[in-house]
N, C-alpha and C. Protein backbone atom coordinates (compact mmCIF):
# COMPACT_ATOMS: atom_id res chain seq x y z
N MET A 1 -69.46 -56.25 -66.43
CA MET A 1 -70.08 -55.95 -65.18
C MET A 1 -69.88 -57.13 -64.23
N ASP A 2 -69.42 -56.83 -63.05
CA ASP A 2 -69.14 -57.86 -62.04
C ASP A 2 -70.41 -58.15 -61.24
N THR A 3 -70.87 -59.40 -61.27
CA THR A 3 -72.12 -59.75 -60.59
C THR A 3 -71.89 -60.44 -59.25
N THR A 4 -70.67 -60.61 -58.82
CA THR A 4 -70.41 -61.32 -57.57
C THR A 4 -70.73 -60.49 -56.34
N ASN A 5 -70.69 -59.19 -56.41
CA ASN A 5 -70.94 -58.33 -55.26
C ASN A 5 -72.33 -57.72 -55.25
N GLN A 6 -73.18 -58.12 -56.16
CA GLN A 6 -74.53 -57.55 -56.21
C GLN A 6 -75.41 -58.24 -55.18
N PRO A 7 -76.30 -57.51 -54.53
CA PRO A 7 -77.23 -58.14 -53.59
C PRO A 7 -78.20 -59.04 -54.34
N ASN A 8 -78.86 -59.91 -53.58
CA ASN A 8 -79.83 -60.82 -54.19
C ASN A 8 -80.92 -60.03 -54.89
N VAL A 9 -81.32 -60.55 -56.01
CA VAL A 9 -82.38 -59.91 -56.79
C VAL A 9 -83.69 -60.09 -56.03
N GLN A 10 -84.54 -59.09 -56.09
CA GLN A 10 -85.83 -59.12 -55.38
C GLN A 10 -86.62 -60.35 -55.84
N GLY A 11 -87.16 -61.13 -54.87
CA GLY A 11 -87.96 -62.31 -55.19
C GLY A 11 -87.13 -63.59 -55.22
N ARG A 12 -85.86 -63.47 -55.20
CA ARG A 12 -84.98 -64.64 -55.22
C ARG A 12 -84.27 -64.72 -53.87
N LYS A 13 -84.53 -65.82 -53.13
CA LYS A 13 -83.97 -65.93 -51.79
C LYS A 13 -82.86 -66.98 -51.76
N ASN A 14 -82.04 -66.86 -50.78
CA ASN A 14 -80.98 -67.82 -50.58
C ASN A 14 -81.57 -69.04 -49.86
N ILE A 15 -81.55 -70.21 -50.47
CA ILE A 15 -82.20 -71.39 -49.87
C ILE A 15 -81.23 -72.29 -49.12
N GLY A 16 -79.95 -71.95 -49.09
CA GLY A 16 -78.95 -72.76 -48.39
C GLY A 16 -79.25 -72.93 -46.91
N PRO A 17 -79.50 -71.84 -46.17
CA PRO A 17 -79.80 -71.99 -44.74
C PRO A 17 -81.10 -72.77 -44.48
N ILE A 18 -82.06 -72.65 -45.38
CA ILE A 18 -83.32 -73.38 -45.20
C ILE A 18 -83.07 -74.87 -45.35
N ILE A 19 -82.28 -75.27 -46.33
CA ILE A 19 -81.98 -76.69 -46.54
C ILE A 19 -81.19 -77.25 -45.36
N ILE A 20 -80.22 -76.51 -44.87
CA ILE A 20 -79.43 -76.97 -43.72
C ILE A 20 -80.32 -77.12 -42.50
N THR A 21 -81.22 -76.18 -42.28
CA THR A 21 -82.14 -76.28 -41.14
C THR A 21 -83.04 -77.50 -41.26
N LEU A 22 -83.54 -77.77 -42.44
CA LEU A 22 -84.39 -78.95 -42.65
C LEU A 22 -83.63 -80.25 -42.42
N VAL A 23 -82.38 -80.30 -42.85
CA VAL A 23 -81.56 -81.50 -42.64
C VAL A 23 -81.31 -81.72 -41.16
N VAL A 24 -81.00 -80.67 -40.42
CA VAL A 24 -80.76 -80.80 -38.98
C VAL A 24 -82.03 -81.24 -38.26
N VAL A 25 -83.16 -80.68 -38.61
CA VAL A 25 -84.42 -81.08 -37.99
C VAL A 25 -84.73 -82.54 -38.31
N LEU A 26 -84.48 -82.97 -39.53
CA LEU A 26 -84.71 -84.35 -39.92
C LEU A 26 -83.82 -85.31 -39.13
N ILE A 27 -82.57 -84.94 -38.94
CA ILE A 27 -81.65 -85.78 -38.14
C ILE A 27 -82.13 -85.86 -36.70
N LEU A 28 -82.59 -84.76 -36.13
CA LEU A 28 -83.10 -84.78 -34.75
C LEU A 28 -84.34 -85.65 -34.63
N ILE A 29 -85.22 -85.61 -35.61
CA ILE A 29 -86.43 -86.43 -35.57
C ILE A 29 -86.07 -87.91 -35.67
N ILE A 30 -85.16 -88.26 -36.56
CA ILE A 30 -84.75 -89.66 -36.70
C ILE A 30 -84.08 -90.15 -35.42
N GLY A 31 -83.24 -89.34 -34.81
CA GLY A 31 -82.60 -89.72 -33.54
C GLY A 31 -83.61 -89.91 -32.43
N GLY A 32 -84.60 -89.03 -32.36
CA GLY A 32 -85.65 -89.17 -31.34
C GLY A 32 -86.46 -90.44 -31.53
N LEU A 33 -86.78 -90.75 -32.77
CA LEU A 33 -87.52 -91.99 -33.04
C LEU A 33 -86.70 -93.23 -32.69
N TYR A 34 -85.40 -93.17 -32.95
CA TYR A 34 -84.53 -94.30 -32.60
C TYR A 34 -84.50 -94.52 -31.08
N ILE A 35 -84.34 -93.45 -30.33
CA ILE A 35 -84.31 -93.57 -28.87
C ILE A 35 -85.67 -94.05 -28.35
N PHE A 36 -86.75 -93.54 -28.90
CA PHE A 36 -88.07 -93.95 -28.48
C PHE A 36 -88.28 -95.44 -28.76
N ALA A 37 -87.87 -95.91 -29.92
CA ALA A 37 -88.04 -97.32 -30.27
C ALA A 37 -87.19 -98.22 -29.39
N SER A 38 -85.99 -97.79 -29.04
CA SER A 38 -85.14 -98.63 -28.19
C SER A 38 -85.70 -98.72 -26.78
N ARG A 39 -86.31 -97.67 -26.29
CA ARG A 39 -86.92 -97.73 -24.95
C ARG A 39 -88.19 -98.56 -24.96
N MET A 40 -88.93 -98.52 -26.05
CA MET A 40 -90.15 -99.32 -26.15
C MET A 40 -89.80 -100.81 -26.22
N SER A 41 -88.70 -101.16 -26.87
CA SER A 41 -88.33 -102.56 -26.97
C SER A 41 -87.89 -103.09 -25.60
N LEU A 42 -87.34 -102.24 -24.75
CA LEU A 42 -86.98 -102.68 -23.40
C LEU A 42 -88.23 -102.94 -22.56
N GLN A 43 -89.28 -102.18 -22.79
CA GLN A 43 -90.49 -102.34 -22.00
C GLN A 43 -91.29 -103.56 -22.43
N THR A 44 -91.10 -104.06 -23.63
CA THR A 44 -91.87 -105.20 -24.09
C THR A 44 -91.23 -106.53 -23.75
N LEU A 45 -90.04 -106.52 -23.15
CA LEU A 45 -89.43 -107.77 -22.74
C LEU A 45 -90.24 -108.39 -21.61
N PRO A 46 -90.27 -109.71 -21.54
CA PRO A 46 -90.98 -110.35 -20.44
C PRO A 46 -90.36 -109.97 -19.10
N SER A 47 -91.17 -109.93 -18.08
CA SER A 47 -90.68 -109.48 -16.78
C SER A 47 -89.65 -110.44 -16.20
N ASP A 48 -89.73 -111.73 -16.53
CA ASP A 48 -88.76 -112.67 -15.99
C ASP A 48 -87.40 -112.54 -16.66
N ALA A 49 -87.32 -111.90 -17.81
CA ALA A 49 -86.04 -111.70 -18.48
C ALA A 49 -85.22 -110.62 -17.78
N LEU A 50 -85.87 -109.71 -17.08
CA LEU A 50 -85.16 -108.63 -16.43
C LEU A 50 -84.80 -108.93 -14.98
N THR A 51 -85.44 -109.92 -14.38
CA THR A 51 -85.16 -110.26 -13.00
C THR A 51 -84.07 -111.32 -12.94
N PRO A 52 -83.22 -111.27 -11.94
CA PRO A 52 -82.18 -112.29 -11.84
C PRO A 52 -82.78 -113.66 -11.55
N ALA A 53 -82.11 -114.68 -12.04
CA ALA A 53 -82.59 -116.04 -11.84
C ALA A 53 -82.50 -116.42 -10.36
N THR A 54 -83.52 -117.04 -9.89
CA THR A 54 -83.52 -117.49 -8.50
C THR A 54 -83.19 -118.97 -8.47
N THR A 55 -82.42 -119.34 -7.49
CA THR A 55 -82.08 -120.75 -7.33
C THR A 55 -83.04 -121.36 -6.34
N THR A 56 -83.53 -122.52 -6.67
CA THR A 56 -84.53 -123.13 -5.81
C THR A 56 -83.98 -124.35 -5.07
N ASN A 57 -83.54 -125.34 -5.75
CA ASN A 57 -83.12 -126.58 -5.10
C ASN A 57 -81.60 -126.63 -4.98
N VAL A 58 -81.06 -125.84 -4.08
CA VAL A 58 -79.63 -125.83 -3.88
C VAL A 58 -79.31 -126.78 -2.75
N LYS A 59 -78.44 -127.75 -3.05
CA LYS A 59 -78.05 -128.72 -2.03
C LYS A 59 -76.66 -128.37 -1.54
N VAL A 60 -76.50 -128.37 -0.26
CA VAL A 60 -75.20 -128.12 0.33
C VAL A 60 -74.54 -129.46 0.57
N ILE A 61 -73.35 -129.60 0.06
CA ILE A 61 -72.63 -130.87 0.19
C ILE A 61 -71.85 -130.82 1.49
N THR A 62 -72.20 -131.72 2.38
CA THR A 62 -71.51 -131.77 3.67
C THR A 62 -70.81 -133.11 3.87
N ASN A 63 -70.79 -133.93 2.83
CA ASN A 63 -70.13 -135.22 2.93
C ASN A 63 -68.62 -135.00 2.97
N LYS A 64 -67.96 -135.62 3.93
CA LYS A 64 -66.52 -135.43 4.08
C LYS A 64 -65.72 -136.62 3.58
N ALA A 65 -66.41 -137.56 2.94
CA ALA A 65 -65.70 -138.74 2.41
C ALA A 65 -64.86 -138.32 1.21
N ASP A 66 -63.72 -138.96 1.07
CA ASP A 66 -62.83 -138.58 -0.03
C ASP A 66 -62.58 -139.72 -1.01
N ASP A 67 -63.40 -140.77 -0.96
CA ASP A 67 -63.25 -141.81 -1.96
C ASP A 67 -63.92 -141.36 -3.27
N VAL A 68 -63.53 -142.01 -4.36
CA VAL A 68 -63.96 -141.58 -5.68
C VAL A 68 -65.47 -141.70 -5.85
N LYS A 69 -66.04 -142.77 -5.37
CA LYS A 69 -67.48 -142.99 -5.53
C LYS A 69 -68.29 -141.89 -4.81
N SER A 70 -67.90 -141.51 -3.62
CA SER A 70 -68.60 -140.46 -2.88
C SER A 70 -68.44 -139.11 -3.56
N LEU A 71 -67.25 -138.83 -4.08
CA LEU A 71 -67.03 -137.57 -4.77
C LEU A 71 -67.86 -137.48 -6.05
N GLN A 72 -67.99 -138.59 -6.79
CA GLN A 72 -68.80 -138.60 -8.00
C GLN A 72 -70.27 -138.40 -7.66
N ASN A 73 -70.74 -139.02 -6.60
CA ASN A 73 -72.13 -138.85 -6.17
C ASN A 73 -72.39 -137.40 -5.73
N ASP A 74 -71.44 -136.80 -5.03
CA ASP A 74 -71.60 -135.41 -4.61
C ASP A 74 -71.65 -134.47 -5.82
N LEU A 75 -70.79 -134.74 -6.80
CA LEU A 75 -70.77 -133.91 -8.00
C LEU A 75 -72.07 -134.06 -8.77
N LYS A 76 -72.57 -135.28 -8.87
CA LYS A 76 -73.83 -135.51 -9.59
C LYS A 76 -74.99 -134.82 -8.88
N SER A 77 -75.04 -134.91 -7.58
CA SER A 77 -76.15 -134.27 -6.86
C SER A 77 -76.04 -132.74 -6.89
N ALA A 78 -74.82 -132.21 -6.98
CA ALA A 78 -74.65 -130.77 -7.03
C ALA A 78 -75.01 -130.19 -8.39
N THR A 79 -74.87 -130.97 -9.45
CA THR A 79 -75.14 -130.46 -10.79
C THR A 79 -76.51 -130.87 -11.31
N ASP A 80 -77.30 -131.63 -10.57
CA ASP A 80 -78.65 -131.96 -11.01
C ASP A 80 -79.50 -130.71 -11.08
N GLY A 81 -80.20 -130.53 -12.18
CA GLY A 81 -81.07 -129.39 -12.35
C GLY A 81 -80.42 -128.17 -12.96
N LEU A 82 -79.11 -128.19 -13.17
CA LEU A 82 -78.46 -127.03 -13.77
C LEU A 82 -78.81 -126.90 -15.25
N ASP A 83 -79.11 -128.02 -15.90
CA ASP A 83 -79.46 -127.93 -17.32
C ASP A 83 -80.78 -127.22 -17.54
N SER A 84 -81.68 -127.29 -16.58
CA SER A 84 -82.98 -126.65 -16.75
C SER A 84 -82.91 -125.15 -16.44
N GLN A 85 -81.83 -124.70 -15.81
CA GLN A 85 -81.70 -123.27 -15.51
C GLN A 85 -80.89 -122.60 -16.61
N ALA A 86 -81.06 -121.34 -16.76
CA ALA A 86 -80.34 -120.59 -17.79
C ALA A 86 -79.02 -120.10 -17.24
N ILE A 87 -78.06 -120.99 -17.17
CA ILE A 87 -76.73 -120.63 -16.65
C ILE A 87 -75.74 -120.74 -17.78
């Protein structure tokens, strides 16, 4: 007797589609939690981390001397305070 073409026996259900549905729902839940967690981590950053750095003591070099000592002094005055900024 060939049993491959017989319908499902009463009381016995095919559980394949149920398992696939549960796996898909589980994947969607995990993806939603991942997106939710990534958005929450962006909101907990300090407010100064999201704003661009502002420059405060910017000196404009207008010295037109071209000797080495003047150029070194201009370079030193232009780079003072850069170490304290996040550049």
